[in-house]
Amino acid sequence: MRVGTTTRIACPPEKVFDLLADLRNETQWNSRVSSAELRSAEPIGVGSRFALVHGGTAYDVTVTTYDRPSSLGFEATGNPDLTIAYALSPSDEGTELKSEFDFRPKGPQKVLFSLLAPVIRRDMPKQYASLKRLCER
């Protein structure tokens, strides 16, 4: 299942990129993330690994794309597995952030996930509104 959203944020793409690239920041804006820790050496870049708990599910997350400040990608292993792609571009307001999520549920979770799709689509803009507030402080 694919879900996308676009958010306009009144701050430079570099700031938005840096907040997104370091998943440890996600606990500050994503209410579904209860913990996030870096599992590899700094600086953060392609190959950096994180352990993250989202909605009670543990994920191992790897940075797959790191092209500051325009594109960022993650591969998350959990249930469901997930690919996240961010495209950031300068706008009159500061940054236009396009987010694409590709959820790949396994086994019986496929049926459950199809039922949850509308809830996920409604929740994503709320989470990105929180990111917007954090960036614009």
N, C-alpha and C. Protein backbone atom coordinates (compact mmCIF):
# COMPACT_ATOMS: atom_id res chain seq x y z
N MET A 1 0.84 -1.17 0.00
CA MET A 1 0.00 0.00 0.00
C MET A 1 0.89 1.24 0.00
N ARG A 2 0.59 2.15 -0.88
CA ARG A 2 1.35 3.40 -0.97
C ARG A 2 0.51 4.56 -0.46
N VAL A 3 1.19 5.43 0.29
CA VAL A 3 0.56 6.62 0.83
C VAL A 3 1.52 7.77 0.63
N GLY A 4 0.99 8.91 0.18
CA GLY A 4 1.83 10.09 -0.01
C GLY A 4 1.17 11.31 0.58
N THR A 5 2.00 12.27 0.91
CA THR A 5 1.50 13.54 1.42
C THR A 5 2.48 14.64 1.06
N THR A 6 1.98 15.85 0.96
CA THR A 6 2.82 17.01 0.69
C THR A 6 2.58 18.05 1.79
N THR A 7 3.66 18.61 2.30
CA THR A 7 3.58 19.59 3.39
C THR A 7 4.46 20.78 3.03
N ARG A 8 3.95 21.96 3.25
CA ARG A 8 4.75 23.18 3.07
C ARG A 8 5.19 23.66 4.45
N ILE A 9 6.49 23.92 4.57
CA ILE A 9 7.07 24.28 5.87
C ILE A 9 7.86 25.57 5.72
N ALA A 10 7.62 26.51 6.62
CA ALA A 10 8.26 27.83 6.55
C ALA A 10 9.63 27.80 7.23
N CYS A 11 10.54 27.03 6.67
CA CYS A 11 11.94 27.04 7.08
C CYS A 11 12.75 26.41 5.95
N PRO A 12 14.06 26.59 5.94
CA PRO A 12 14.89 26.13 4.82
C PRO A 12 14.91 24.61 4.68
N PRO A 13 15.05 24.10 3.45
CA PRO A 13 15.12 22.66 3.23
C PRO A 13 16.21 21.97 4.06
N GLU A 14 17.33 22.64 4.30
CA GLU A 14 18.42 22.05 5.07
C GLU A 14 17.97 21.69 6.50
N LYS A 15 17.20 22.59 7.12
CA LYS A 15 16.71 22.34 8.48
C LYS A 15 15.73 21.17 8.49
N VAL A 16 14.80 21.15 7.53
CA VAL A 16 13.82 20.07 7.46
C VAL A 16 14.55 18.74 7.22
N PHE A 17 15.49 18.75 6.27
CA PHE A 17 16.26 17.55 5.95
C PHE A 17 16.97 17.01 7.18
N ASP A 18 17.67 17.89 7.90
CA ASP A 18 18.44 17.45 9.06
C ASP A 18 17.54 16.87 10.16
N LEU A 19 16.35 17.46 10.36
CA LEU A 19 15.42 16.92 11.34
C LEU A 19 14.92 15.53 10.93
N LEU A 20 14.63 15.36 9.64
CA LEU A 20 14.14 14.07 9.16
C LEU A 20 15.23 13.01 9.12
N ALA A 21 16.44 13.39 8.74
CA ALA A 21 17.52 12.42 8.56
C ALA A 21 17.93 11.76 9.88
N ASP A 22 17.86 12.49 10.96
CA ASP A 22 18.20 11.94 12.27
C ASP A 22 16.91 11.45 12.92
N LEU A 23 16.63 10.17 12.77
CA LEU A 23 15.37 9.62 13.27
C LEU A 23 15.18 9.79 14.77
N ARG A 24 16.24 10.09 15.49
CA ARG A 24 16.09 10.34 16.93
C ARG A 24 15.17 11.53 17.17
N ASN A 25 15.05 12.44 16.19
CA ASN A 25 14.16 13.60 16.32
C ASN A 25 12.69 13.23 16.18
N GLU A 26 12.41 12.06 15.63
CA GLU A 26 11.02 11.71 15.32
C GLU A 26 10.15 11.64 16.57
N THR A 27 10.73 11.34 17.72
CA THR A 27 9.93 11.30 18.96
C THR A 27 9.40 12.69 19.32
N GLN A 28 9.99 13.74 18.75
CA GLN A 28 9.56 15.12 19.04
C GLN A 28 8.35 15.53 18.21
N TRP A 29 8.11 14.85 17.07
CA TRP A 29 7.01 15.30 16.23
C TRP A 29 6.04 14.20 15.82
N ASN A 30 6.43 12.94 15.91
CA ASN A 30 5.54 11.85 15.51
C ASN A 30 5.03 11.16 16.77
N SER A 31 3.78 11.39 17.10
CA SER A 31 3.21 10.86 18.34
C SER A 31 3.16 9.33 18.36
N ARG A 32 3.31 8.69 17.23
CA ARG A 32 3.29 7.22 17.16
C ARG A 32 4.67 6.60 17.46
N VAL A 33 5.72 7.43 17.48
CA VAL A 33 7.08 6.92 17.73
C VAL A 33 7.42 7.12 19.20
N SER A 34 7.65 5.99 19.91
CA SER A 34 7.94 6.06 21.34
C SER A 34 9.44 6.05 21.63
N SER A 35 10.25 5.52 20.70
CA SER A 35 11.70 5.56 20.91
C SER A 35 12.41 5.45 19.57
N ALA A 36 13.59 6.04 19.52
CA ALA A 36 14.43 5.99 18.32
C ALA A 36 15.87 6.19 18.76
N GLU A 37 16.74 5.27 18.34
CA GLU A 37 18.16 5.42 18.69
C GLU A 37 19.03 5.08 17.49
N LEU A 38 20.13 5.78 17.41
CA LEU A 38 21.12 5.55 16.36
C LEU A 38 21.92 4.31 16.73
N ARG A 39 22.05 3.38 15.80
CA ARG A 39 22.76 2.12 16.05
C ARG A 39 24.08 2.04 15.29
N SER A 40 24.46 3.11 14.62
CA SER A 40 25.72 3.14 13.88
C SER A 40 26.45 4.43 14.23
N ALA A 41 27.66 4.56 13.73
CA ALA A 41 28.47 5.74 14.06
C ALA A 41 27.95 6.99 13.34
N GLU A 42 28.23 8.14 13.95
CA GLU A 42 27.94 9.41 13.28
C GLU A 42 29.10 9.73 12.37
N PRO A 43 28.95 10.56 11.37
CA PRO A 43 27.75 11.32 11.01
C PRO A 43 26.72 10.44 10.30
N ILE A 44 25.50 10.93 10.29
CA ILE A 44 24.41 10.21 9.63
C ILE A 44 24.55 10.38 8.12
N GLY A 45 24.35 9.28 7.40
CA GLY A 45 24.43 9.27 5.94
C GLY A 45 23.94 7.93 5.43
N VAL A 46 24.17 7.64 4.15
CA VAL A 46 23.76 6.36 3.59
C VAL A 46 24.38 5.23 4.41
N GLY A 47 23.55 4.27 4.79
CA GLY A 47 24.02 3.14 5.58
C GLY A 47 23.82 3.31 7.07
N SER A 48 23.52 4.52 7.54
CA SER A 48 23.27 4.71 8.97
C SER A 48 22.06 3.87 9.38
N ARG A 49 22.14 3.32 10.61
CA ARG A 49 21.09 2.43 11.08
C ARG A 49 20.48 2.97 12.37
N PHE A 50 19.17 2.78 12.47
CA PHE A 50 18.43 3.20 13.66
C PHE A 50 17.55 2.05 14.14
N ALA A 51 17.26 2.03 15.43
CA ALA A 51 16.23 1.18 16.02
C ALA A 51 15.11 2.12 16.42
N LEU A 52 13.90 1.80 16.00
CA LEU A 52 12.76 2.70 16.20
C LEU A 52 11.56 1.87 16.63
N VAL A 53 10.75 2.41 17.53
CA VAL A 53 9.49 1.77 17.90
C VAL A 53 8.36 2.70 17.48
N HIS A 54 7.51 2.20 16.59
CA HIS A 54 6.40 2.97 16.03
C HIS A 54 5.11 2.19 16.29
N GLY A 55 4.22 2.80 17.05
CA GLY A 55 2.95 2.14 17.35
C GLY A 55 3.13 0.80 18.05
N GLY A 56 4.18 0.68 18.86
CA GLY A 56 4.44 -0.55 19.58
C GLY A 56 5.22 -1.59 18.79
N THR A 57 5.49 -1.33 17.52
CA THR A 57 6.23 -2.26 16.66
C THR A 57 7.66 -1.80 16.51
N ALA A 58 8.60 -2.72 16.73
CA ALA A 58 10.02 -2.40 16.58
C ALA A 58 10.42 -2.48 15.11
N TYR A 59 11.23 -1.51 14.69
CA TYR A 59 11.74 -1.46 13.32
C TYR A 59 13.25 -1.27 13.34
N ASP A 60 13.92 -1.93 12.41
CA ASP A 60 15.31 -1.65 12.10
C ASP A 60 15.27 -0.81 10.84
N VAL A 61 15.87 0.37 10.90
CA VAL A 61 15.75 1.34 9.81
C VAL A 61 17.14 1.69 9.30
N THR A 62 17.30 1.71 7.98
CA THR A 62 18.57 2.05 7.35
C THR A 62 18.35 3.22 6.40
N VAL A 63 19.27 4.18 6.43
CA VAL A 63 19.23 5.29 5.47
C VAL A 63 19.72 4.75 4.13
N THR A 64 18.88 4.88 3.09
CA THR A 64 19.22 4.37 1.76
C THR A 64 19.54 5.48 0.77
N THR A 65 19.02 6.67 1.01
CA THR A 65 19.29 7.83 0.15
C THR A 65 19.58 9.01 1.07
N TYR A 66 20.67 9.72 0.76
CA TYR A 66 21.04 10.86 1.58
C TYR A 66 21.68 11.89 0.65
N ASP A 67 20.85 12.76 0.10
CA ASP A 67 21.30 13.80 -0.82
C ASP A 67 20.82 15.14 -0.27
N ARG A 68 21.57 15.65 0.72
CA ARG A 68 21.18 16.87 1.43
C ARG A 68 21.24 18.06 0.49
N PRO A 69 20.21 18.87 0.43
CA PRO A 69 18.97 18.87 1.18
C PRO A 69 17.76 18.42 0.35
N SER A 70 17.96 17.67 -0.74
CA SER A 70 16.83 17.43 -1.65
C SER A 70 16.16 16.07 -1.57
N SER A 71 16.86 15.02 -1.20
CA SER A 71 16.18 13.72 -1.12
C SER A 71 16.77 12.85 -0.02
N LEU A 72 15.87 12.09 0.59
CA LEU A 72 16.22 11.27 1.74
C LEU A 72 15.36 10.02 1.67
N GLY A 73 15.96 8.87 1.94
CA GLY A 73 15.19 7.63 1.90
C GLY A 73 15.58 6.69 3.01
N PHE A 74 14.61 5.88 3.43
CA PHE A 74 14.81 4.89 4.49
C PHE A 74 14.19 3.56 4.08
N GLU A 75 14.80 2.49 4.53
CA GLU A 75 14.21 1.15 4.41
C GLU A 75 14.03 0.65 5.84
N ALA A 76 12.79 0.30 6.18
CA ALA A 76 12.47 -0.15 7.53
C ALA A 76 12.02 -1.60 7.49
N THR A 77 12.62 -2.41 8.37
CA THR A 77 12.26 -3.80 8.49
C THR A 77 11.49 -3.98 9.79
N GLY A 78 10.29 -4.50 9.69
CA GLY A 78 9.42 -4.73 10.84
C GLY A 78 8.18 -5.44 10.31
N ASN A 79 7.05 -5.12 10.87
CA ASN A 79 5.82 -5.66 10.31
C ASN A 79 4.76 -4.58 10.34
N PRO A 80 4.54 -3.90 9.24
CA PRO A 80 5.02 -4.25 7.90
C PRO A 80 6.39 -3.66 7.61
N ASP A 81 7.06 -4.23 6.60
CA ASP A 81 8.26 -3.60 6.06
C ASP A 81 7.80 -2.32 5.36
N LEU A 82 8.72 -1.38 5.23
CA LEU A 82 8.32 -0.05 4.76
C LEU A 82 9.47 0.64 4.08
N THR A 83 9.18 1.30 2.96
CA THR A 83 10.14 2.17 2.30
C THR A 83 9.59 3.59 2.40
N ILE A 84 10.46 4.53 2.79
CA ILE A 84 10.06 5.93 2.93
C ILE A 84 10.96 6.75 2.02
N ALA A 85 10.35 7.61 1.21
CA ALA A 85 11.11 8.51 0.33
C ALA A 85 10.63 9.94 0.55
N TYR A 86 11.58 10.82 0.81
CA TYR A 86 11.28 12.24 0.97
C TYR A 86 11.93 13.01 -0.17
N ALA A 87 11.18 13.96 -0.72
CA ALA A 87 11.72 14.90 -1.71
C ALA A 87 11.47 16.30 -1.14
N LEU A 88 12.55 17.06 -1.01
CA LEU A 88 12.45 18.41 -0.45
C LEU A 88 12.86 19.40 -1.52
N SER A 89 12.08 20.45 -1.67
CA SER A 89 12.44 21.48 -2.64
C SER A 89 12.13 22.86 -2.05
N PRO A 90 12.96 23.83 -2.42
CA PRO A 90 12.71 25.19 -1.94
C PRO A 90 11.37 25.70 -2.49
N SER A 91 10.67 26.47 -1.68
CA SER A 91 9.42 27.10 -2.12
C SER A 91 9.42 28.53 -1.61
N ASP A 92 8.43 29.30 -2.04
CA ASP A 92 8.31 30.68 -1.57
C ASP A 92 8.19 30.74 -0.05
N GLU A 93 7.55 29.70 0.53
CA GLU A 93 7.34 29.66 1.97
C GLU A 93 8.55 29.10 2.71
N GLY A 94 9.43 28.39 2.02
CA GLY A 94 10.59 27.76 2.66
C GLY A 94 10.88 26.41 2.03
N THR A 95 10.05 25.39 2.35
CA THR A 95 10.28 24.03 1.86
C THR A 95 8.97 23.37 1.49
N GLU A 96 8.97 22.69 0.35
CA GLU A 96 7.88 21.79 0.02
C GLU A 96 8.42 20.38 0.25
N LEU A 97 7.77 19.65 1.15
CA LEU A 97 8.18 18.29 1.52
C LEU A 97 7.17 17.30 0.96
N LYS A 98 7.64 16.44 0.05
CA LYS A 98 6.80 15.36 -0.46
C LYS A 98 7.26 14.07 0.20
N SER A 99 6.31 13.35 0.77
CA SER A 99 6.60 12.11 1.48
C SER A 99 5.86 10.96 0.81
N GLU A 100 6.58 9.88 0.54
CA GLU A 100 5.97 8.68 -0.06
C GLU A 100 6.30 7.48 0.82
N PHE A 101 5.29 6.73 1.18
CA PHE A 101 5.44 5.55 2.02
C PHE A 101 4.93 4.34 1.26
N ASP A 102 5.72 3.28 1.24
CA ASP A 102 5.33 2.02 0.62
C ASP A 102 5.32 0.96 1.71
N PHE A 103 4.12 0.64 2.21
CA PHE A 103 3.94 -0.36 3.27
C PHE A 103 3.83 -1.74 2.63
N ARG A 104 4.55 -2.72 3.18
CA ARG A 104 4.50 -4.08 2.66
C ARG A 104 4.18 -5.06 3.80
N PRO A 105 2.88 -5.15 4.16
CA PRO A 105 2.50 -6.07 5.23
C PRO A 105 2.70 -7.53 4.81
N LYS A 106 2.88 -8.38 5.82
CA LYS A 106 3.12 -9.80 5.58
C LYS A 106 1.97 -10.63 6.15
N GLY A 107 1.72 -11.78 5.54
CA GLY A 107 0.76 -12.76 6.06
C GLY A 107 -0.60 -12.17 6.33
N PRO A 108 -1.19 -12.54 7.48
CA PRO A 108 -2.55 -12.09 7.80
C PRO A 108 -2.67 -10.58 7.96
N GLN A 109 -1.53 -9.93 8.20
CA GLN A 109 -1.59 -8.49 8.37
C GLN A 109 -1.99 -7.77 7.08
N LYS A 110 -1.87 -8.43 5.94
CA LYS A 110 -2.29 -7.83 4.67
C LYS A 110 -3.76 -7.42 4.71
N VAL A 111 -4.61 -8.30 5.23
CA VAL A 111 -6.04 -8.01 5.32
C VAL A 111 -6.28 -6.88 6.30
N LEU A 112 -5.67 -6.97 7.48
CA LEU A 112 -5.83 -5.92 8.49
C LEU A 112 -5.37 -4.58 7.95
N PHE A 113 -4.25 -4.59 7.25
CA PHE A 113 -3.70 -3.34 6.73
C PHE A 113 -4.62 -2.69 5.71
N SER A 114 -5.28 -3.49 4.89
CA SER A 114 -6.21 -2.92 3.91
C SER A 114 -7.38 -2.23 4.62
N LEU A 115 -7.76 -2.75 5.78
CA LEU A 115 -8.83 -2.11 6.55
C LEU A 115 -8.35 -0.84 7.24
N LEU A 116 -7.06 -0.81 7.61
CA LEU A 116 -6.50 0.35 8.31
C LEU A 116 -6.07 1.48 7.37
N ALA A 117 -6.04 1.21 6.09
CA ALA A 117 -5.54 2.19 5.12
C ALA A 117 -6.19 3.57 5.28
N PRO A 118 -7.51 3.69 5.40
CA PRO A 118 -8.09 5.02 5.56
C PRO A 118 -7.61 5.74 6.82
N VAL A 119 -7.41 5.00 7.90
CA VAL A 119 -6.93 5.59 9.15
C VAL A 119 -5.50 6.11 8.96
N ILE A 120 -4.67 5.32 8.30
CA ILE A 120 -3.28 5.73 8.06
C ILE A 120 -3.26 6.98 7.19
N ARG A 121 -4.07 7.01 6.17
CA ARG A 121 -4.10 8.18 5.27
C ARG A 121 -4.56 9.44 6.01
N ARG A 122 -5.47 9.30 6.96
CA ARG A 122 -5.93 10.46 7.75
C ARG A 122 -4.90 10.89 8.77
N ASP A 123 -4.14 9.94 9.33
CA ASP A 123 -3.17 10.25 10.39
C ASP A 123 -1.93 10.95 9.87
N MET A 124 -1.50 10.62 8.66
CA MET A 124 -0.23 11.17 8.15
C MET A 124 -0.21 12.70 8.12
N PRO A 125 -1.22 13.37 7.60
CA PRO A 125 -1.16 14.84 7.61
C PRO A 125 -1.07 15.42 9.03
N LYS A 126 -1.67 14.75 10.01
CA LYS A 126 -1.57 15.22 11.40
C LYS A 126 -0.13 15.14 11.89
N GLN A 127 0.56 14.05 11.57
CA GLN A 127 1.95 13.90 12.00
C GLN A 127 2.84 14.96 11.33
N TYR A 128 2.60 15.20 10.06
CA TYR A 128 3.42 16.18 9.35
C TYR A 128 3.09 17.61 9.77
N ALA A 129 1.89 17.84 10.26
CA ALA A 129 1.58 19.15 10.85
C ALA A 129 2.42 19.36 12.09
N SER A 130 2.67 18.28 12.84
CA SER A 130 3.54 18.38 14.03
C SER A 130 4.99 18.65 13.62
N LEU A 131 5.46 18.01 12.54
CA LEU A 131 6.79 18.30 12.02
C LEU A 131 6.89 19.76 11.61
N LYS A 132 5.88 20.25 10.95
CA LYS A 132 5.85 21.64 10.51
C LYS A 132 5.97 22.58 11.71
N ARG A 133 5.21 22.31 12.77
CA ARG A 133 5.29 23.15 13.98
C ARG A 133 6.70 23.11 14.58
N LEU A 134 7.31 21.93 14.64
CA LEU A 134 8.66 21.81 15.19
C LEU A 134 9.67 22.60 14.36
N CYS A 135 9.59 22.49 13.06
CA CYS A 135 10.54 23.19 12.17
C CYS A 135 10.37 24.70 12.24
N GLU A 136 9.13 25.14 12.41
CA GLU A 136 8.85 26.58 12.34
C GLU A 136 9.02 27.28 13.67
N ARG A 137 9.46 26.59 14.70
CA ARG A 137 9.68 27.24 16.01
C ARG A 137 10.76 28.28 15.91
